[in-house]
Amino acid sequence: MPEQMNAPHVKIEPWSNADLNLLRLINAPEMMEHLGGPETEEQILRRHKRYLEIAGRGTGRMFSIVLLPKMETVGSVGYWDSMWKEEFVNEIGWSILPPYQGKGIATAAVSEAIASASIEQKIRFIHAFPSINNLASNAVCRKLNFSLMSTCEFEYPPGNIMQCNDWRIEIDSAVNLSYI
């Protein structure tokens, strides 16, 4: 993938036991504003277990985002199997800790995660479903040339209906992503 001169240098690392504290940081009210609010500790522990097991089940991948060169863990990104409108797709999601937001880190990390999904050659499309009010996540989708398919209702977490944008990118076309 071409690199931009001012783009942040990140790497994504497979989710590990050490990432439980990251998940707790991501669970802060300001981070969960567009996702139905913070989860309980029990829910966080279940989510962490799912993140640890997802790659082994072959149903996706979860990563921590590491900012280089200082090796700071600054967020998470991942993709997972999903059914959308009677089609198997990958869904992608990401979170960046507040001190690191607005610096292009999410765009760089999402690009890396899409590259990981393209290696698997398993699913044709990746969808992102950010809240229509989450301007930053919608901007990431635009920067990476996702196509805006529609606005839609999306249930997340279970029992919470959100108004979202359905963004989609074809994985084959995504291997040449550049994040401008």
Protein backbone atom coordinates (compact mmCIF):
# COMPACT_ATOMS: atom_id res chain seq x y z
CA MET A 1 0.00 0.00 0.00
CA PRO A 2 1.34 3.42 -0.82
CA GLU A 3 2.31 5.46 2.22
CA GLN A 4 1.50 9.12 2.62
CA MET A 5 4.30 11.37 3.81
CA ASN A 6 2.37 12.63 6.86
CA ALA A 7 0.38 9.47 7.55
CA PRO A 8 0.88 7.99 11.00
CA HIS A 9 2.89 4.80 11.17
CA VAL A 10 0.86 2.08 12.80
CA LYS A 11 0.90 -1.64 13.00
CA ILE A 12 -1.90 -3.92 13.99
CA GLU A 13 -1.18 -6.81 16.30
CA PRO A 14 -3.39 -9.83 16.97
CA TRP A 15 -5.56 -9.41 20.05
CA SER A 16 -3.92 -10.87 23.16
CA ASN A 17 -4.56 -11.27 26.89
CA ALA A 18 -2.62 -8.05 27.43
CA ASP A 19 -5.35 -6.13 25.58
CA LEU A 20 -7.99 -6.52 28.30
CA ASN A 21 -6.98 -3.16 29.82
CA LEU A 22 -7.27 -1.54 26.37
CA LEU A 23 -10.80 -2.88 26.11
CA ARG A 24 -11.61 -1.34 29.49
CA LEU A 25 -10.28 2.04 28.27
CA ILE A 26 -12.35 1.80 25.09
CA ASN A 27 -15.41 1.15 27.27
CA ALA A 28 -15.37 4.74 28.59
CA PRO A 29 -18.67 6.64 28.18
CA GLU A 30 -17.19 9.09 25.65
CA MET A 31 -15.87 6.17 23.58
CA MET A 32 -19.17 4.28 23.65
CA GLU A 33 -21.39 7.29 22.91
CA HIS A 34 -22.33 6.02 19.44
CA LEU A 35 -22.53 2.36 20.50
CA GLY A 36 -25.25 2.24 23.12
CA GLY A 37 -23.11 3.22 26.12
CA PRO A 38 -20.52 1.43 28.27
CA GLU A 39 -20.69 -2.28 29.00
CA THR A 40 -20.55 -3.96 32.41
CA GLU A 41 -17.34 -5.65 33.55
CA GLU A 42 -18.97 -9.01 32.83
CA GLN A 43 -19.76 -7.91 29.26
CA ILE A 44 -16.18 -6.65 28.82
CA LEU A 45 -14.78 -10.01 29.93
CA ARG A 46 -17.08 -11.84 27.47
CA ARG A 47 -16.07 -9.47 24.65
CA HIS A 48 -12.38 -9.98 25.45
CA LYS A 49 -12.87 -13.76 25.30
CA ARG A 50 -14.63 -13.45 21.90
CA TYR A 51 -11.80 -11.26 20.62
CA LEU A 52 -9.21 -13.81 21.78
CA GLU A 53 -11.07 -16.68 20.08
CA ILE A 54 -12.27 -15.10 16.82
CA ALA A 55 -9.19 -15.90 14.72
CA GLY A 56 -9.12 -19.51 15.90
CA ARG A 57 -12.74 -19.95 14.84
CA GLY A 58 -11.95 -18.54 11.38
CA THR A 59 -14.71 -15.94 11.69
CA GLY A 60 -12.62 -12.78 11.64
CA ARG A 61 -9.72 -11.09 13.37
CA MET A 62 -9.30 -8.53 16.13
CA PHE A 63 -6.23 -6.36 16.55
CA SER A 64 -4.78 -3.79 18.86
CA ILE A 65 -3.45 -0.70 17.09
CA VAL A 66 0.13 0.22 17.92
CA LEU A 67 1.51 3.66 17.08
CA LEU A 68 5.12 3.56 15.91
CA PRO A 69 7.89 4.22 16.75
CA LYS A 70 6.97 4.54 20.45
CA MET A 71 4.98 1.26 20.43
CA GLU A 72 1.98 2.92 22.13
CA THR A 73 -1.25 0.91 22.07
CA VAL A 74 -3.84 3.45 20.93
CA GLY A 75 -6.95 1.51 19.95
CA SER A 76 -8.49 -1.53 18.32
CA VAL A 77 -9.67 -2.60 14.90
CA GLY A 78 -11.18 -5.80 13.65
CA TYR A 79 -13.44 -7.54 11.20
CA TRP A 80 -15.81 -10.43 11.59
CA ASP A 81 -18.23 -12.54 9.60
CA SER A 82 -21.68 -11.08 9.34
CA MET A 83 -24.87 -11.56 7.38
CA TRP A 84 -26.20 -8.40 5.75
CA LYS A 85 -29.19 -8.36 3.44
CA GLU A 86 -28.94 -12.13 2.89
CA GLU A 87 -25.27 -11.92 1.89
CA PHE A 88 -22.17 -13.07 3.78
CA VAL A 89 -19.90 -10.09 4.35
CA ASN A 90 -17.22 -8.98 6.75
CA GLU A 91 -18.14 -6.18 9.10
CA ILE A 92 -15.36 -3.91 10.32
CA GLY A 93 -15.15 -1.72 13.39
CA TRP A 94 -12.54 0.36 15.17
CA SER A 95 -11.93 2.52 18.25
CA ILE A 96 -9.16 5.03 18.89
CA LEU A 97 -8.43 6.32 22.39
CA PRO A 98 -9.25 10.05 22.78
CA PRO A 99 -5.68 11.45 22.98
CA TYR A 100 -4.93 9.87 19.59
CA GLN A 101 -8.11 10.76 17.70
CA GLY A 102 -8.03 13.10 14.72
CA LYS A 103 -4.50 12.13 13.66
CA GLY A 104 -5.24 9.66 10.85
CA ILE A 105 -4.55 6.62 13.02
CA ALA A 106 -7.98 5.05 12.44
CA THR A 107 -7.65 5.44 8.68
CA ALA A 108 -4.22 3.82 8.68
CA ALA A 109 -5.32 0.96 10.96
CA VAL A 110 -8.55 0.26 9.04
CA SER A 111 -6.50 0.14 5.86
CA GLU A 112 -4.19 -2.45 7.47
CA ALA A 113 -7.15 -4.52 8.67
CA ILE A 114 -8.69 -4.52 5.19
CA ALA A 115 -5.36 -5.70 3.80
CA SER A 116 -5.43 -8.54 6.34
CA ALA A 117 -8.94 -9.52 5.26
CA SER A 118 -7.94 -9.45 1.59
CA ILE A 119 -5.22 -12.05 2.24
CA GLU A 120 -7.88 -14.48 3.45
CA GLN A 121 -9.75 -14.21 0.11
CA LYS A 122 -12.87 -15.41 1.89
CA ILE A 123 -15.44 -12.61 1.60
CA ARG A 124 -16.03 -10.17 -1.25
CA PHE A 125 -17.21 -7.13 0.71
CA ILE A 126 -16.43 -5.40 3.98
CA HIS A 127 -19.12 -3.21 5.50
CA ALA A 128 -18.83 -0.53 8.16
CA PHE A 129 -21.91 0.69 10.02
CA PRO A 130 -20.99 3.89 11.86
CA SER A 131 -23.74 5.91 13.47
CA ILE A 132 -24.90 8.71 11.20
CA ASN A 133 -23.79 11.03 14.03
CA ASN A 134 -20.25 9.64 14.24
CA LEU A 135 -18.59 12.12 11.90
CA ALA A 136 -15.06 10.79 12.48
CA SER A 137 -15.88 7.18 11.59
CA ASN A 138 -17.85 8.25 8.52
CA ALA A 139 -14.83 10.33 7.45
CA VAL A 140 -12.59 7.24 7.72
CA CYS A 141 -14.92 5.40 5.33
CA ARG A 142 -14.84 8.30 2.85
CA LYS A 143 -11.03 8.57 3.01
CA LEU A 144 -10.67 4.86 2.24
CA ASN A 145 -13.08 5.02 -0.72
CA PHE A 146 -15.85 2.95 0.80
CA SER A 147 -19.11 3.40 -1.11
CA LEU A 148 -22.04 4.78 0.86
CA MET A 149 -24.77 2.25 0.17
CA SER A 150 -27.57 3.71 2.31
CA THR A 151 -28.63 4.83 5.72
CA CYS A 152 -30.15 2.03 7.72
CA GLU A 153 -31.28 0.87 11.10
CA PHE A 154 -28.75 -1.36 12.78
CA GLU A 155 -29.12 -3.18 16.08
CA TYR A 156 -26.11 -2.72 18.33
CA PRO A 157 -25.83 -3.69 21.03
CA PRO A 158 -28.74 -6.13 21.04
CA GLY A 159 -31.90 -4.23 21.88
CA ASN A 160 -30.51 -0.85 20.78
CA ILE A 161 -31.52 0.36 17.31
CA MET A 162 -29.10 2.87 15.79
CA GLN A 163 -29.38 5.01 12.69
CA CYS A 164 -26.27 4.11 10.70
CA ASN A 165 -24.63 4.57 7.38
CA ASP A 166 -23.93 1.36 5.47
CA TRP A 167 -20.50 1.80 3.91
CA ARG A 168 -19.09 -0.96 1.71
CA ILE A 169 -15.81 -1.67 0.00
CA GLU A 170 -14.95 -4.55 -2.29
CA ILE A 171 -11.93 -6.32 -0.89
CA ASP A 172 -10.33 -6.90 -4.31
CA SER A 173 -10.31 -3.16 -4.96
CA ALA A 174 -9.12 -2.41 -1.44
CA VAL A 175 -5.69 -4.01 -1.79
CA ASN A 176 -4.49 -0.85 -3.52
CA LEU A 177 -5.81 1.50 -0.84
CA SER A 178 -4.00 4.69 -0.11
CA TYR A 179 -5.13 6.75 2.79
CA ILE A 180 -4.98 10.38 1.77
